[in-house]
C-alpha cells in the first residue's frame, strides 16, 4: 500500500499536550491521528459526538458554587472536619433516621 504525507498546523501547546496524553496511553501522535482517521472511515463520520451545549458551561459558576459551599461550611463550623468525622456524622444521622422509622415516627 502506498503512503502519503499529511501535514497539519497545530498550536505548540496543543501539540505538546496531545503528545503527553498519547505517550501516557502508549502511542505516539501520528498513530493517534491514524486511529482517528481509520475510525472515521469505518463509521463514515466523525468518531465522537459533535453537539453544541444547550447551556454554556462557565467555570466561574462552578468556582462560585464551591466558594459558597466553603463559606457555608465555615459558618457552620464544619470546614475543618476530617473524612472520618464526616463519615461518623453521616452514620449517626442514618442511625437516628432508622430509629425514628422503627419507632413509627
N, C-alpha and C. Protein backbone atom coordinates (compact mmCIF):
# COMPACT_ATOMS: atom_id res chain seq x y z
N UNK A 1 0.85 -1.18 0.00
CA UNK A 1 0.00 0.00 0.00
C UNK A 1 0.89 1.24 0.00
N UNK A 2 0.63 2.14 -0.90
CA UNK A 2 1.39 3.39 -0.96
C UNK A 2 1.01 4.27 0.22
N UNK A 3 1.91 5.10 0.63
CA UNK A 3 1.60 6.01 1.75
C UNK A 3 1.77 7.45 1.29
N UNK A 4 1.07 8.34 1.99
CA UNK A 4 1.12 9.76 1.68
C UNK A 4 1.51 10.53 2.93
N UNK A 5 2.05 11.69 2.70
CA UNK A 5 2.43 12.57 3.80
C UNK A 5 1.29 13.54 4.06
N UNK A 6 0.91 13.68 5.31
CA UNK A 6 -0.14 14.63 5.71
C UNK A 6 0.51 15.64 6.65
N UNK A 7 0.41 16.90 6.32
CA UNK A 7 0.95 17.95 7.19
C UNK A 7 -0.20 18.79 7.72
N UNK A 8 -0.14 19.09 9.01
CA UNK A 8 -1.15 19.96 9.62
C UNK A 8 -0.44 20.97 10.50
N UNK A 9 -1.07 22.10 10.70
CA UNK A 9 -0.53 23.10 11.61
C UNK A 9 -1.28 22.98 12.93
N UNK A 10 -0.52 22.98 14.02
CA UNK A 10 -1.08 22.90 15.37
C UNK A 10 -0.46 23.97 16.25
N UNK A 11 -1.24 24.43 17.18
CA UNK A 11 -0.72 25.29 18.23
C UNK A 11 0.32 24.48 19.01
N UNK A 12 1.45 25.08 19.35
CA UNK A 12 2.52 24.37 20.05
C UNK A 12 2.04 23.73 21.35
N UNK A 13 1.22 24.47 22.10
CA UNK A 13 0.73 23.95 23.38
C UNK A 13 -0.18 22.74 23.16
N UNK A 14 -1.08 22.81 22.17
CA UNK A 14 -1.96 21.69 21.88
C UNK A 14 -1.15 20.47 21.48
N UNK A 15 -0.15 20.66 20.62
CA UNK A 15 0.69 19.54 20.20
C UNK A 15 1.40 18.91 21.39
N UNK A 16 1.94 19.73 22.26
CA UNK A 16 2.64 19.24 23.44
C UNK A 16 1.71 18.46 24.37
N UNK A 17 0.52 19.01 24.61
CA UNK A 17 -0.44 18.34 25.48
C UNK A 17 -0.90 17.02 24.87
N UNK A 18 -1.15 17.02 23.56
CA UNK A 18 -1.57 15.80 22.87
C UNK A 18 -0.47 14.75 22.92
N UNK A 19 0.77 15.17 22.67
CA UNK A 19 1.90 14.23 22.75
C UNK A 19 1.98 13.59 24.13
N UNK A 20 1.86 14.40 25.16
CA UNK A 20 1.93 13.87 26.54
C UNK A 20 0.81 12.89 26.80
N UNK A 21 -0.39 13.22 26.37
CA UNK A 21 -1.54 12.34 26.57
C UNK A 21 -1.33 11.01 25.87
N UNK A 22 -0.96 11.06 24.59
CA UNK A 22 -0.83 9.82 23.84
C UNK A 22 0.36 8.99 24.31
N UNK A 23 1.43 9.64 24.75
CA UNK A 23 2.55 8.90 25.32
C UNK A 23 2.10 8.14 26.57
N UNK A 24 1.27 8.79 27.39
CA UNK A 24 0.75 8.12 28.59
C UNK A 24 -0.11 6.93 28.22
N UNK A 25 -0.74 6.99 27.04
CA UNK A 25 -1.58 5.89 26.57
C UNK A 25 -0.77 4.84 25.80
N UNK A 26 0.53 5.11 25.60
CA UNK A 26 1.39 4.15 24.95
C UNK A 26 1.42 4.26 23.43
N UNK A 27 0.96 5.37 22.89
CA UNK A 27 1.01 5.57 21.44
C UNK A 27 1.61 6.94 21.15
N UNK A 28 2.01 7.13 19.90
CA UNK A 28 2.53 8.44 19.52
C UNK A 28 1.45 9.23 18.78
N UNK A 29 1.73 10.49 18.53
CA UNK A 29 0.76 11.37 17.88
C UNK A 29 0.36 10.89 16.48
N UNK A 30 1.30 10.51 15.63
CA UNK A 30 0.89 10.01 14.31
C UNK A 30 -0.01 8.78 14.39
N UNK A 31 0.26 7.88 15.32
CA UNK A 31 -0.60 6.70 15.49
C UNK A 31 -2.00 7.12 15.91
N UNK A 32 -2.09 8.07 16.84
CA UNK A 32 -3.40 8.55 17.29
C UNK A 32 -4.19 9.17 16.14
N UNK A 33 -3.50 9.92 15.30
CA UNK A 33 -4.17 10.54 14.16
C UNK A 33 -4.63 9.47 13.17
N UNK A 34 -3.79 8.46 12.92
CA UNK A 34 -4.20 7.36 12.03
C UNK A 34 -5.41 6.64 12.61
N UNK A 35 -5.42 6.42 13.93
CA UNK A 35 -6.57 5.76 14.57
C UNK A 35 -7.84 6.58 14.36
N UNK A 36 -7.73 7.89 14.53
CA UNK A 36 -8.88 8.77 14.32
C UNK A 36 -9.39 8.63 12.89
N UNK A 37 -8.49 8.69 11.91
CA UNK A 37 -8.89 8.62 10.51
C UNK A 37 -9.50 7.26 10.15
N UNK A 38 -8.89 6.18 10.66
CA UNK A 38 -9.44 4.84 10.38
C UNK A 38 -10.84 4.69 10.95
N UNK A 39 -11.03 5.18 12.16
CA UNK A 39 -12.35 5.08 12.79
C UNK A 39 -13.37 5.94 12.04
N UNK A 40 -12.96 7.13 11.61
CA UNK A 40 -13.86 8.00 10.85
C UNK A 40 -14.31 7.32 9.57
N UNK A 41 -13.37 6.68 8.87
CA UNK A 41 -13.72 5.97 7.63
C UNK A 41 -14.63 4.79 7.95
N UNK A 42 -14.33 4.06 9.02
CA UNK A 42 -15.12 2.89 9.39
C UNK A 42 -16.58 3.24 9.65
N UNK A 43 -16.80 4.34 10.38
CA UNK A 43 -18.18 4.69 10.74
C UNK A 43 -18.79 5.72 9.79
N UNK A 44 -17.97 6.17 8.84
CA UNK A 44 -18.42 7.15 7.85
C UNK A 44 -18.87 8.45 8.50
N UNK A 45 -18.10 8.93 9.46
CA UNK A 45 -18.40 10.18 10.13
C UNK A 45 -17.35 10.50 11.17
N UNK A 46 -17.57 11.57 11.89
CA UNK A 46 -16.68 11.94 12.98
C UNK A 46 -16.88 10.93 14.11
N UNK A 47 -15.81 10.34 14.65
CA UNK A 47 -15.96 9.26 15.62
C UNK A 47 -16.21 9.70 17.07
N UNK A 48 -16.88 10.80 17.23
CA UNK A 48 -17.31 11.24 18.55
C UNK A 48 -18.47 12.19 18.35
N UNK A 49 -19.32 12.36 19.38
CA UNK A 49 -20.47 13.25 19.22
C UNK A 49 -20.03 14.70 18.98
N UNK A 50 -20.72 15.34 18.10
CA UNK A 50 -20.45 16.76 17.84
C UNK A 50 -21.76 17.51 18.04
N UNK A 51 -21.95 17.99 19.26
CA UNK A 51 -23.16 18.73 19.59
C UNK A 51 -22.79 20.02 20.28
N UNK A 52 -23.64 20.99 20.13
CA UNK A 52 -23.45 22.24 20.84
C UNK A 52 -24.13 22.13 22.20
N UNK A 53 -23.50 22.63 23.25
CA UNK A 53 -24.13 22.55 24.57
C UNK A 53 -25.38 23.40 24.62
N UNK A 54 -26.39 22.89 25.34
CA UNK A 54 -27.64 23.65 25.47
C UNK A 54 -27.41 24.90 26.32
N UNK A 55 -26.65 24.74 27.38
CA UNK A 55 -26.30 25.87 28.24
C UNK A 55 -24.79 25.99 28.25
N UNK A 56 -24.32 27.19 28.09
CA UNK A 56 -22.88 27.41 28.09
C UNK A 56 -22.33 27.14 29.49
N UNK A 57 -21.33 26.29 29.56
CA UNK A 57 -20.69 26.00 30.83
C UNK A 57 -19.76 27.14 31.18
N UNK A 58 -19.86 27.59 32.39
CA UNK A 58 -18.98 28.67 32.83
C UNK A 58 -18.26 28.23 34.09
N UNK A 59 -16.94 28.20 34.02
CA UNK A 59 -16.14 27.79 35.17
C UNK A 59 -16.37 28.72 36.35
N UNK A 60 -16.68 29.99 36.05
CA UNK A 60 -16.91 30.94 37.14
C UNK A 60 -18.08 30.49 38.02
N UNK A 61 -19.11 29.91 37.40
CA UNK A 61 -20.26 29.43 38.16
C UNK A 61 -19.86 28.31 39.11
N UNK A 62 -19.04 27.39 38.62
CA UNK A 62 -18.59 26.28 39.46
C UNK A 62 -17.72 26.79 40.60
N UNK A 63 -16.84 27.72 40.30
CA UNK A 63 -15.97 28.29 41.34
C UNK A 63 -16.81 29.01 42.39
N UNK A 64 -17.79 29.77 41.94
CA UNK A 64 -18.68 30.49 42.86
C UNK A 64 -19.44 29.50 43.76
N UNK A 65 -19.90 28.39 43.20
CA UNK A 65 -20.62 27.39 43.99
C UNK A 65 -19.72 26.77 45.05
N UNK A 66 -18.47 26.50 44.69
CA UNK A 66 -17.52 25.95 45.65
C UNK A 66 -17.23 26.96 46.75
N UNK A 67 -17.08 28.22 46.37
CA UNK A 67 -16.83 29.26 47.37
C UNK A 67 -18.01 29.40 48.32
N UNK A 68 -19.23 29.32 47.80
CA UNK A 68 -20.42 29.40 48.65
C UNK A 68 -20.49 28.21 49.61
N UNK A 69 -20.17 27.01 49.11
CA UNK A 69 -20.18 25.82 49.97
C UNK A 69 -19.12 25.95 51.06
N UNK A 70 -17.96 26.47 50.70
CA UNK A 70 -16.89 26.67 51.67
C UNK A 70 -17.30 27.68 52.74
N UNK A 71 -17.93 28.78 52.32
CA UNK A 71 -18.38 29.80 53.28
C UNK A 71 -19.43 29.21 54.21
N UNK A 72 -20.34 28.41 53.66
CA UNK A 72 -21.37 27.79 54.49
C UNK A 72 -20.75 26.82 55.50
N UNK A 73 -19.75 26.06 55.07
CA UNK A 73 -19.07 25.13 55.97
C UNK A 73 -18.37 25.88 57.09
N UNK A 74 -17.72 26.99 56.75
CA UNK A 74 -17.06 27.79 57.79
C UNK A 74 -18.08 28.37 58.76
N UNK A 75 -19.19 28.87 58.23
CA UNK A 75 -20.24 29.46 59.06
C UNK A 75 -20.80 28.44 60.06
N UNK A 76 -20.91 27.19 59.62
CA UNK A 76 -21.47 26.14 60.46
C UNK A 76 -20.41 25.38 61.26
N UNK A 77 -19.15 25.84 61.17
CA UNK A 77 -18.08 25.23 61.96
C UNK A 77 -17.67 23.84 61.53
N UNK A 78 -17.87 23.52 60.27
CA UNK A 78 -17.54 22.17 59.81
C UNK A 78 -16.49 22.17 58.71
N UNK A 79 -15.84 23.27 58.47
CA UNK A 79 -14.90 23.35 57.36
C UNK A 79 -13.61 22.59 57.61
N UNK A 80 -13.30 22.28 58.86
CA UNK A 80 -12.06 21.58 59.17
C UNK A 80 -12.28 20.13 59.57
N UNK A 81 -13.45 19.58 59.24
CA UNK A 81 -13.73 18.19 59.60
C UNK A 81 -12.90 17.24 58.76
N UNK A 82 -12.45 16.14 59.38
CA UNK A 82 -11.75 15.10 58.64
C UNK A 82 -12.78 14.20 57.97
N UNK A 83 -12.31 13.37 57.06
CA UNK A 83 -13.20 12.44 56.39
C UNK A 83 -13.82 11.47 57.40
N UNK A 84 -13.05 11.04 58.38
CA UNK A 84 -13.58 10.14 59.41
C UNK A 84 -14.69 10.82 60.21
N UNK A 85 -14.51 12.11 60.53
CA UNK A 85 -15.54 12.85 61.25
C UNK A 85 -16.81 13.01 60.41
N UNK A 86 -16.63 13.28 59.14
CA UNK A 86 -17.79 13.42 58.24
C UNK A 86 -18.54 12.10 58.16
N UNK A 87 -17.80 11.00 57.97
CA UNK A 87 -18.44 9.69 57.87
C UNK A 87 -19.14 9.31 59.17
N UNK A 88 -18.55 9.65 60.32
CA UNK A 88 -19.18 9.36 61.62
C UNK A 88 -20.47 10.14 61.76
N UNK A 89 -20.47 11.40 61.34
CA UNK A 89 -21.68 12.22 61.42
C UNK A 89 -22.78 11.67 60.51
N UNK A 90 -22.41 11.27 59.31
CA UNK A 90 -23.39 10.68 58.38
C UNK A 90 -23.97 9.41 58.98
N UNK A 91 -23.12 8.58 59.54
CA UNK A 91 -23.57 7.34 60.17
C UNK A 91 -24.53 7.61 61.32
N UNK A 92 -24.21 8.60 62.13
CA UNK A 92 -25.07 8.95 63.26
C UNK A 92 -26.44 9.42 62.79
N UNK A 93 -26.47 10.22 61.75
CA UNK A 93 -27.76 10.71 61.22
C UNK A 93 -28.55 9.54 60.66
N UNK A 94 -27.89 8.66 59.94
CA UNK A 94 -28.59 7.49 59.37
C UNK A 94 -29.18 6.62 60.48
N UNK A 95 -28.43 6.44 61.57
CA UNK A 95 -28.93 5.63 62.69
C UNK A 95 -30.14 6.29 63.34
N UNK A 96 -30.09 7.61 63.52
CA UNK A 96 -31.23 8.29 64.14
C UNK A 96 -32.46 8.25 63.24
N UNK A 97 -32.26 8.34 61.93
CA UNK A 97 -33.39 8.24 60.99
C UNK A 97 -33.97 6.84 61.04
N UNK A 98 -33.11 5.82 61.10
CA UNK A 98 -33.57 4.44 61.17
C UNK A 98 -34.35 4.20 62.46
N UNK A 99 -33.84 4.72 63.58
CA UNK A 99 -34.53 4.55 64.86
C UNK A 99 -35.90 5.23 64.82
N UNK A 100 -35.95 6.42 64.23
CA UNK A 100 -37.22 7.14 64.14
C UNK A 100 -38.19 6.36 63.27
N UNK A 101 -37.70 5.75 62.19
CA UNK A 101 -38.55 4.94 61.31
C UNK A 101 -39.03 3.69 62.01
N UNK A 102 -38.15 3.06 62.78
CA UNK A 102 -38.52 1.85 63.52
C UNK A 102 -39.53 2.16 64.61
N UNK A 103 -39.47 3.37 65.16
CA UNK A 103 -40.38 3.76 66.24
C UNK A 103 -41.71 4.24 65.68
N UNK A 104 -41.81 4.34 64.38
CA UNK A 104 -43.06 4.77 63.76
C UNK A 104 -43.26 6.26 63.78
N UNK A 105 -42.18 7.02 63.92
CA UNK A 105 -42.30 8.48 63.96
C UNK A 105 -42.33 9.08 62.59
